[in-house]
Amino acid sequence: MTRFAKPDPRDPAELAWRRSSYSNGAGGMCVEVAPLGAGIAVRDSKNPTGPVLAFTAGEWDAFLAGARDGEFDRERVRLH
């Protein structure tokens, strides 16, 4: 198994956060993303001082590919 070092969001306030252009700005269910070294940081736009998730570039690319391919569509996800 190969282990990859996670990007480290030591000071999230210093990152260049951006929100999807599909966000309506009314405080809906949005996330913000920011470049983080060789990876991506993700946070809840309603809680900017809350936890930050850090992903390697490979993990982020895999997530985006899954989203594009419908891997997370409600019809395909079995909720228990």
Protein backbone atom coordinates (compact mmCIF):
# COMPACT_ATOMS: atom_id res chain seq x y z
CA MET A 1 0.00 0.00 0.00
CA THR A 2 1.31 3.44 -0.91
CA ARG A 3 0.87 6.24 1.59
CA PHE A 4 0.62 9.86 0.52
CA ALA A 5 1.18 12.85 2.75
CA LYS A 6 -1.97 14.90 3.19
CA PRO A 7 -1.79 18.63 2.53
CA ASP A 8 -1.80 20.52 5.84
CA PRO A 9 -4.22 23.47 6.20
CA ARG A 10 -2.40 25.08 9.15
CA ASP A 11 -4.08 28.47 8.76
CA PRO A 12 -7.30 28.18 6.71
CA ALA A 13 -7.89 31.95 6.88
CA GLU A 14 -4.81 32.42 4.68
CA LEU A 15 -6.13 30.22 1.87
CA ALA A 16 -7.77 31.59 -1.29
CA TRP A 17 -11.27 30.12 -0.86
CA ARG A 18 -13.80 30.06 -3.68
CA ARG A 19 -17.38 28.95 -4.00
CA SER A 20 -19.19 27.41 -6.95
CA SER A 21 -20.79 29.78 -9.44
CA TYR A 22 -23.92 27.64 -8.94
CA SER A 23 -24.17 28.83 -5.33
CA ASN A 24 -26.99 31.29 -4.84
CA GLY A 25 -25.31 33.08 -1.93
CA ALA A 26 -28.39 32.65 0.25
CA GLY A 27 -26.64 30.41 2.78
CA GLY A 28 -27.60 27.15 1.14
CA MET A 29 -25.72 23.90 1.18
CA CYS A 30 -22.39 25.03 -0.25
CA VAL A 31 -18.80 24.13 0.19
CA GLU A 32 -15.75 26.25 -0.54
CA VAL A 33 -12.50 24.95 -1.99
CA ALA A 34 -8.97 26.34 -1.93
CA PRO A 35 -5.67 25.24 -3.43
CA LEU A 36 -3.45 23.77 -0.72
CA GLY A 37 0.08 22.99 -1.81
CA ALA A 38 -0.23 19.87 -3.93
CA GLY A 39 -3.84 19.30 -2.90
CA ILE A 40 -7.22 20.88 -2.15
CA ALA A 41 -8.86 22.11 1.04
CA VAL A 42 -12.65 21.94 1.47
CA ARG A 43 -14.85 23.60 4.09
CA ASP A 44 -18.52 24.34 4.79
CA SER A 45 -19.33 27.85 3.56
CA LYS A 46 -21.75 28.34 6.47
CA ASN A 47 -19.00 27.58 8.99
CA PRO A 48 -15.78 29.15 7.66
CA THR A 49 -14.00 28.81 11.01
CA GLY A 50 -14.98 25.17 11.34
CA PRO A 51 -13.15 22.02 10.28
CA VAL A 52 -11.27 21.85 6.98
CA LEU A 53 -10.90 18.66 4.97
CA ALA A 54 -7.62 18.24 3.08
CA PHE A 55 -7.29 16.03 0.00
CA THR A 56 -4.33 15.10 -2.13
CA ALA A 57 -4.54 15.99 -5.82
CA GLY A 58 -5.20 12.33 -6.64
CA GLU A 59 -8.04 12.06 -4.14
CA TRP A 60 -9.63 15.26 -5.42
CA ASP A 61 -9.34 14.11 -9.05
CA ALA A 62 -10.97 10.79 -8.11
CA PHE A 63 -13.83 12.61 -6.35
CA LEU A 64 -14.42 14.91 -9.33
CA ALA A 65 -14.38 11.96 -11.74
CA GLY A 66 -16.93 10.14 -9.57
CA ALA A 67 -19.18 13.20 -9.45
CA ARG A 68 -18.99 13.61 -13.23
CA ASP A 69 -19.75 9.91 -13.74
CA GLY A 70 -22.79 9.97 -11.45
CA GLU A 71 -21.19 7.79 -8.79
CA PHE A 72 -22.84 9.84 -6.03
CA ASP A 73 -26.28 10.26 -7.63
CA ARG A 74 -29.08 9.42 -5.23
CA GLU A 75 -30.37 6.68 -7.50
CA ARG A 76 -26.99 4.96 -7.36
CA VAL A 77 -26.21 5.45 -3.69
CA ARG A 78 -27.89 2.96 -1.40
CA LEU A 79 -28.66 4.62 1.93
CA HIS A 80 -28.84 2.40 4.99
